[in-house]
Amino acid sequence: MAYIVYVNATISADGNFADCTYSKNADGSEPIAGSDIHIPTDAGECVFAQADDTSLLLIGATFKTIGSAPGMNSSNFAAANDENIVSFTMPTTTTITKGVVLLFSTPGTVQNLYPSTDPQVTNDSVSC
């Protein structure tokens, strides 16, 4: 039972990053305050999808379990699919927190790549 988080991204004031807000619905209703995202323990997967009114396209994400050894490899990067959705697995028997950096681009011709700030996903919620 994957847990879906919708992200609305705009270019930051300095033009270097993606300013993101998160919600439980594509239309932005049921906003998630801040960037600490709590998903059900038994979800098994966290999915980031574009909100209806986002101005940037979600193209990928990097993620790392907080407290584990640093390092980048193929197991902590996911490219978005054709619907601009990115997902990664979460354990269902252990509570962990993953730091995530979402990667966005401009629609149409790519003019720049915009990383998000670092939302954190923790699998410690009892229900959706």
N, C-alpha and C. Protein backbone atom coordinates (compact mmCIF):
# COMPACT_ATOMS: atom_id res chain seq x y z
N MET A 1 0.85 -1.17 0.00
CA MET A 1 0.00 0.00 0.00
C MET A 1 0.89 1.23 0.00
N ALA A 2 1.26 1.73 -1.16
CA ALA A 2 2.12 2.90 -1.28
C ALA A 2 1.42 4.14 -0.75
N TYR A 3 2.20 5.03 -0.17
CA TYR A 3 1.67 6.30 0.34
C TYR A 3 2.09 7.40 -0.62
N ILE A 4 1.13 8.16 -1.13
CA ILE A 4 1.41 9.19 -2.13
C ILE A 4 1.44 10.57 -1.48
N VAL A 5 2.49 11.32 -1.79
CA VAL A 5 2.64 12.71 -1.37
C VAL A 5 2.69 13.55 -2.64
N TYR A 6 1.83 14.56 -2.73
CA TYR A 6 1.82 15.44 -3.90
C TYR A 6 2.67 16.66 -3.61
N VAL A 7 3.46 17.05 -4.59
CA VAL A 7 4.38 18.17 -4.41
C VAL A 7 4.09 19.26 -5.44
N ASN A 8 4.04 20.48 -4.93
CA ASN A 8 3.89 21.66 -5.78
C ASN A 8 5.22 22.40 -5.71
N ALA A 9 5.88 22.58 -6.84
CA ALA A 9 7.21 23.18 -6.87
C ALA A 9 7.24 24.43 -7.74
N THR A 10 7.88 25.46 -7.22
CA THR A 10 8.11 26.70 -7.96
C THR A 10 9.58 27.06 -7.82
N ILE A 11 10.07 27.88 -8.71
CA ILE A 11 11.47 28.32 -8.64
C ILE A 11 11.63 29.28 -7.47
N SER A 12 12.67 29.07 -6.66
CA SER A 12 12.93 29.92 -5.49
C SER A 12 13.28 31.33 -5.93
N ALA A 13 13.20 32.26 -5.00
CA ALA A 13 13.48 33.67 -5.28
C ALA A 13 14.88 33.88 -5.85
N ASP A 14 15.85 33.08 -5.41
CA ASP A 14 17.22 33.24 -5.92
C ASP A 14 17.45 32.51 -7.24
N GLY A 15 16.44 31.75 -7.70
CA GLY A 15 16.53 31.07 -8.98
C GLY A 15 17.35 29.80 -9.00
N ASN A 16 17.77 29.32 -7.83
CA ASN A 16 18.65 28.16 -7.78
C ASN A 16 18.01 26.88 -7.27
N PHE A 17 16.87 26.98 -6.61
CA PHE A 17 16.25 25.83 -5.96
C PHE A 17 14.77 25.75 -6.29
N ALA A 18 14.17 24.64 -5.89
CA ALA A 18 12.72 24.48 -6.01
C ALA A 18 12.12 24.68 -4.62
N ASP A 19 11.22 25.64 -4.51
CA ASP A 19 10.44 25.80 -3.28
C ASP A 19 9.27 24.84 -3.37
N CYS A 20 9.10 23.99 -2.37
CA CYS A 20 8.10 22.93 -2.43
C CYS A 20 7.10 23.02 -1.28
N THR A 21 5.87 22.70 -1.61
CA THR A 21 4.85 22.46 -0.60
C THR A 21 4.29 21.08 -0.89
N TYR A 22 3.80 20.42 0.17
CA TYR A 22 3.35 19.03 0.06
C TYR A 22 1.91 18.92 0.51
N SER A 23 1.19 17.97 -0.09
CA SER A 23 -0.21 17.75 0.29
C SER A 23 -0.57 16.28 0.08
N LYS A 24 -1.73 15.92 0.62
CA LYS A 24 -2.22 14.54 0.47
C LYS A 24 -3.05 14.35 -0.78
N ASN A 25 -3.38 15.45 -1.47
CA ASN A 25 -4.21 15.37 -2.68
C ASN A 25 -3.60 16.19 -3.81
N ALA A 26 -3.82 15.77 -5.04
CA ALA A 26 -3.25 16.43 -6.20
C ALA A 26 -3.70 17.88 -6.34
N ASP A 27 -4.88 18.21 -5.83
CA ASP A 27 -5.38 19.58 -5.94
C ASP A 27 -4.84 20.49 -4.84
N GLY A 28 -3.97 19.96 -3.98
CA GLY A 28 -3.36 20.76 -2.93
C GLY A 28 -4.14 20.77 -1.63
N SER A 29 -5.31 20.12 -1.64
CA SER A 29 -6.07 20.06 -0.39
C SER A 29 -5.38 19.11 0.58
N GLU A 30 -5.67 19.25 1.82
CA GLU A 30 -5.01 18.52 2.90
C GLU A 30 -3.49 18.72 2.86
N PRO A 31 -3.05 19.99 3.00
CA PRO A 31 -1.61 20.26 2.98
C PRO A 31 -0.89 19.57 4.14
N ILE A 32 0.35 19.23 3.88
CA ILE A 32 1.23 18.66 4.90
C ILE A 32 2.11 19.82 5.37
N ALA A 33 2.03 20.16 6.64
CA ALA A 33 2.79 21.29 7.17
C ALA A 33 4.28 20.99 7.15
N GLY A 34 5.05 21.94 6.69
CA GLY A 34 6.50 21.80 6.68
C GLY A 34 7.00 20.74 5.72
N SER A 35 8.13 20.15 6.08
CA SER A 35 8.72 19.13 5.20
C SER A 35 9.03 17.83 5.92
N ASP A 36 8.45 17.65 7.12
CA ASP A 36 8.55 16.36 7.82
C ASP A 36 7.31 15.56 7.46
N ILE A 37 7.51 14.52 6.67
CA ILE A 37 6.40 13.73 6.15
C ILE A 37 6.37 12.39 6.88
N HIS A 38 5.22 12.08 7.45
CA HIS A 38 5.06 10.83 8.19
C HIS A 38 4.09 9.93 7.42
N ILE A 39 4.57 8.72 7.12
CA ILE A 39 3.76 7.78 6.35
C ILE A 39 3.47 6.57 7.23
N PRO A 40 2.44 5.78 6.87
CA PRO A 40 2.13 4.58 7.66
C PRO A 40 3.31 3.60 7.68
N THR A 41 3.50 2.97 8.81
CA THR A 41 4.58 2.00 8.97
C THR A 41 4.49 0.89 7.93
N ASP A 42 3.27 0.47 7.62
CA ASP A 42 3.11 -0.64 6.68
C ASP A 42 2.99 -0.21 5.22
N ALA A 43 3.25 1.05 4.90
CA ALA A 43 3.12 1.52 3.51
C ALA A 43 4.08 0.79 2.57
N GLY A 44 5.32 0.62 2.98
CA GLY A 44 6.29 -0.10 2.16
C GLY A 44 6.89 0.72 1.03
N GLU A 45 6.26 1.82 0.69
CA GLU A 45 6.74 2.65 -0.42
C GLU A 45 6.23 4.07 -0.25
N CYS A 46 7.11 5.03 -0.49
CA CYS A 46 6.73 6.44 -0.50
C CYS A 46 6.78 6.93 -1.95
N VAL A 47 5.72 7.56 -2.38
CA VAL A 47 5.59 8.02 -3.76
C VAL A 47 5.44 9.54 -3.75
N PHE A 48 6.26 10.24 -4.54
CA PHE A 48 6.10 11.67 -4.73
C PHE A 48 5.53 11.88 -6.14
N ALA A 49 4.43 12.60 -6.23
CA ALA A 49 3.78 12.89 -7.51
C ALA A 49 3.56 14.38 -7.62
N GLN A 50 3.50 14.88 -8.83
CA GLN A 50 3.28 16.31 -9.04
C GLN A 50 1.86 16.70 -8.66
N ALA A 51 1.73 17.85 -8.00
CA ALA A 51 0.42 18.43 -7.74
C ALA A 51 -0.10 19.02 -9.05
N ASP A 52 -1.40 19.23 -9.11
CA ASP A 52 -2.04 19.73 -10.33
C ASP A 52 -1.49 21.06 -10.81
N ASP A 53 -1.14 21.95 -9.89
CA ASP A 53 -0.77 23.31 -10.29
C ASP A 53 0.72 23.61 -10.15
N THR A 54 1.57 22.60 -10.16
CA THR A 54 3.01 22.83 -10.05
C THR A 54 3.55 23.47 -11.32
N SER A 55 4.57 24.30 -11.17
CA SER A 55 5.14 24.94 -12.35
C SER A 55 6.44 24.28 -12.80
N LEU A 56 6.97 23.36 -12.01
CA LEU A 56 8.17 22.62 -12.38
C LEU A 56 7.85 21.14 -12.52
N LEU A 57 8.62 20.44 -13.34
CA LEU A 57 8.40 19.01 -13.56
C LEU A 57 9.31 18.19 -12.65
N LEU A 58 8.75 17.22 -11.97
CA LEU A 58 9.50 16.30 -11.13
C LEU A 58 10.21 15.29 -12.03
N ILE A 59 11.55 15.23 -11.93
CA ILE A 59 12.29 14.33 -12.82
C ILE A 59 13.07 13.25 -12.08
N GLY A 60 13.20 13.37 -10.75
CA GLY A 60 13.92 12.34 -10.02
C GLY A 60 14.08 12.70 -8.56
N ALA A 61 14.72 11.80 -7.82
CA ALA A 61 14.98 12.03 -6.39
C ALA A 61 16.18 11.22 -5.94
N THR A 62 16.88 11.77 -4.98
CA THR A 62 17.89 11.01 -4.25
C THR A 62 17.39 10.91 -2.81
N PHE A 63 17.77 9.85 -2.13
CA PHE A 63 17.29 9.63 -0.77
C PHE A 63 18.32 8.81 -0.02
N LYS A 64 18.38 9.03 1.28
CA LYS A 64 19.35 8.33 2.10
C LYS A 64 18.79 8.18 3.49
N THR A 65 18.94 7.00 4.07
CA THR A 65 18.50 6.76 5.44
C THR A 65 19.39 7.57 6.38
N ILE A 66 18.76 8.41 7.19
CA ILE A 66 19.50 9.24 8.13
C ILE A 66 20.14 8.34 9.18
N GLY A 67 21.43 8.56 9.41
CA GLY A 67 22.18 7.75 10.37
C GLY A 67 22.99 6.65 9.74
N SER A 68 22.74 6.36 8.46
CA SER A 68 23.54 5.33 7.79
C SER A 68 24.78 5.99 7.16
N ALA A 69 25.70 5.17 6.74
CA ALA A 69 26.93 5.69 6.13
C ALA A 69 26.62 6.50 4.88
N PRO A 70 27.26 7.66 4.72
CA PRO A 70 27.01 8.46 3.53
C PRO A 70 27.55 7.79 2.28
N GLY A 71 26.99 8.17 1.16
CA GLY A 71 27.45 7.62 -0.11
C GLY A 71 26.33 7.58 -1.11
N MET A 72 26.65 7.76 -2.35
CA MET A 72 25.66 7.70 -3.42
C MET A 72 25.92 6.48 -4.27
N ASN A 73 24.85 5.77 -4.59
CA ASN A 73 24.95 4.64 -5.50
C ASN A 73 23.58 4.45 -6.16
N SER A 74 23.46 3.42 -6.96
CA SER A 74 22.22 3.22 -7.72
C SER A 74 21.03 2.89 -6.83
N SER A 75 21.26 2.51 -5.60
CA SER A 75 20.13 2.14 -4.73
C SER A 75 19.52 3.34 -4.01
N ASN A 76 20.11 4.52 -4.14
CA ASN A 76 19.50 5.68 -3.50
C ASN A 76 19.24 6.83 -4.47
N PHE A 77 18.94 6.48 -5.71
CA PHE A 77 18.48 7.44 -6.71
C PHE A 77 17.34 6.80 -7.49
N ALA A 78 16.32 7.58 -7.79
CA ALA A 78 15.21 7.08 -8.61
C ALA A 78 14.82 8.15 -9.62
N ALA A 79 14.77 7.76 -10.86
CA ALA A 79 14.27 8.67 -11.90
C ALA A 79 12.75 8.64 -11.88
N ALA A 80 12.14 9.76 -12.24
CA ALA A 80 10.68 9.81 -12.34
C ALA A 80 10.23 9.03 -13.57
N ASN A 81 8.99 8.51 -13.50
CA ASN A 81 8.45 7.81 -14.66
C ASN A 81 7.83 8.81 -15.64
N ASP A 82 7.15 8.32 -16.66
CA ASP A 82 6.56 9.20 -17.68
C ASP A 82 5.48 10.12 -17.15
N GLU A 83 4.92 9.82 -15.99
CA GLU A 83 3.89 10.67 -15.37
C GLU A 83 4.50 11.60 -14.32
N ASN A 84 5.84 11.71 -14.31
CA ASN A 84 6.56 12.55 -13.35
C ASN A 84 6.28 12.13 -11.91
N ILE A 85 6.36 10.83 -11.69
CA ILE A 85 6.16 10.24 -10.36
C ILE A 85 7.44 9.50 -9.99
N VAL A 86 7.87 9.67 -8.75
CA VAL A 86 9.07 8.99 -8.27
C VAL A 86 8.72 8.27 -6.97
N SER A 87 9.31 7.09 -6.78
CA SER A 87 9.01 6.33 -5.56
C SER A 87 10.25 5.63 -5.05
N PHE A 88 10.21 5.31 -3.76
CA PHE A 88 11.28 4.53 -3.15
C PHE A 88 10.68 3.69 -2.03
N THR A 89 11.33 2.58 -1.75
CA THR A 89 10.81 1.66 -0.74
C THR A 89 11.15 2.14 0.66
N MET A 90 10.30 1.73 1.60
CA MET A 90 10.51 1.97 3.03
C MET A 90 10.27 0.63 3.72
N PRO A 91 11.01 0.33 4.78
CA PRO A 91 10.78 -0.93 5.48
C PRO A 91 9.42 -0.93 6.19
N THR A 92 8.87 -2.09 6.42
CA THR A 92 7.58 -2.19 7.11
C THR A 92 7.72 -2.75 8.52
N THR A 93 8.93 -3.12 8.90
CA THR A 93 9.14 -3.68 10.24
C THR A 93 10.04 -2.83 11.12
N THR A 94 10.68 -1.83 10.54
CA THR A 94 11.59 -0.95 11.27
C THR A 94 11.24 0.49 10.94
N THR A 95 11.24 1.35 11.94
CA THR A 95 11.00 2.77 11.72
C THR A 95 12.31 3.45 11.35
N ILE A 96 12.31 4.14 10.22
CA ILE A 96 13.48 4.89 9.77
C ILE A 96 13.04 6.25 9.25
N THR A 97 14.01 7.13 9.06
CA THR A 97 13.79 8.42 8.42
C THR A 97 14.74 8.53 7.25
N LYS A 98 14.20 8.89 6.09
CA LYS A 98 15.03 9.11 4.92
C LYS A 98 15.00 10.60 4.57
N GLY A 99 16.18 11.15 4.34
CA GLY A 99 16.29 12.48 3.79
C GLY A 99 16.15 12.37 2.28
N VAL A 100 15.40 13.29 1.69
CA VAL A 100 15.10 13.21 0.26
C VAL A 100 15.42 14.54 -0.39
N VAL A 101 16.03 14.50 -1.57
CA VAL A 101 16.18 15.69 -2.40
C VAL A 101 15.48 15.39 -3.71
N LEU A 102 14.41 16.13 -3.96
CA LEU A 102 13.67 15.99 -5.22
C LEU A 102 14.34 16.85 -6.28
N LEU A 103 14.33 16.41 -7.51
CA LEU A 103 14.97 17.13 -8.60
C LEU A 103 13.91 17.52 -9.63
N PHE A 104 13.90 18.79 -10.00
CA PHE A 104 12.90 19.33 -10.92
C PHE A 104 13.58 20.00 -12.10
N SER A 105 12.81 20.15 -13.19
CA SER A 105 13.27 20.92 -14.34
C SER A 105 12.12 21.79 -14.82
N THR A 106 12.46 22.70 -15.71
CA THR A 106 11.43 23.52 -16.33
C THR A 106 10.69 22.67 -17.36
N PRO A 107 9.40 22.94 -17.58
CA PRO A 107 8.67 22.19 -18.61
C PRO A 107 9.18 22.52 -20.01
N GLY A 108 8.96 21.63 -20.94
CA GLY A 108 9.40 21.87 -22.32
C GLY A 108 10.91 21.75 -22.40
N THR A 109 11.56 22.79 -22.90
CA THR A 109 13.01 22.80 -23.01
C THR A 109 13.61 23.01 -21.62
N VAL A 110 14.48 22.11 -21.23
CA VAL A 110 15.11 22.22 -19.91
C VAL A 110 16.07 23.40 -19.91
N GLN A 111 15.79 24.37 -19.03
CA GLN A 111 16.65 25.54 -18.89
C GLN A 111 17.57 25.42 -17.69
N ASN A 112 17.12 24.66 -16.70
CA ASN A 112 17.91 24.49 -15.49
C ASN A 112 17.36 23.29 -14.71
N LEU A 113 18.14 22.79 -13.78
CA LEU A 113 17.68 21.76 -12.85
C LEU A 113 17.59 22.41 -11.47
N TYR A 114 16.53 22.09 -10.75
CA TYR A 114 16.26 22.71 -9.45
C TYR A 114 16.10 21.64 -8.38
N PRO A 115 17.03 21.55 -7.42
CA PRO A 115 16.85 20.61 -6.32
C PRO A 115 15.93 21.22 -5.26
N SER A 116 15.22 20.35 -4.56
CA SER A 116 14.37 20.81 -3.47
C SER A 116 15.20 20.96 -2.20
N THR A 117 14.59 21.55 -1.20
CA THR A 117 15.18 21.46 0.13
C THR A 117 15.00 20.02 0.56
N ASP A 118 15.44 19.66 1.72
CA ASP A 118 15.52 18.27 2.13
C ASP A 118 14.31 17.82 2.93
N PRO A 119 13.22 17.37 2.27
CA PRO A 119 12.13 16.81 3.07
C PRO A 119 12.59 15.51 3.71
N GLN A 120 12.00 15.17 4.83
CA GLN A 120 12.31 13.92 5.50
C GLN A 120 11.06 13.06 5.57
N VAL A 121 11.21 11.79 5.25
CA VAL A 121 10.10 10.85 5.28
C VAL A 121 10.36 9.83 6.39
N THR A 122 9.41 9.72 7.31
CA THR A 122 9.51 8.76 8.41
C THR A 122 8.31 7.83 8.36
N ASN A 123 8.56 6.55 8.46
CA ASN A 123 7.48 5.55 8.42
C ASN A 123 7.01 5.21 9.85
N ASP A 124 6.38 6.17 10.49
CA ASP A 124 5.98 5.98 11.88
C ASP A 124 4.52 6.30 12.15
N SER A 125 3.74 6.43 11.11
CA SER A 125 2.32 6.78 11.27
C SER A 125 1.47 5.52 11.31
N VAL A 126 0.37 5.59 12.04
CA VAL A 126 -0.51 4.42 12.16
C VAL A 126 -1.50 4.38 11.01
N SER A 127 -1.91 5.51 10.50
CA SER A 127 -2.92 5.52 9.43
C SER A 127 -2.62 6.62 8.43
N CYS A 128 -3.27 6.52 7.29
CA CYS A 128 -3.13 7.53 6.25
C CYS A 128 -3.87 8.75 6.69
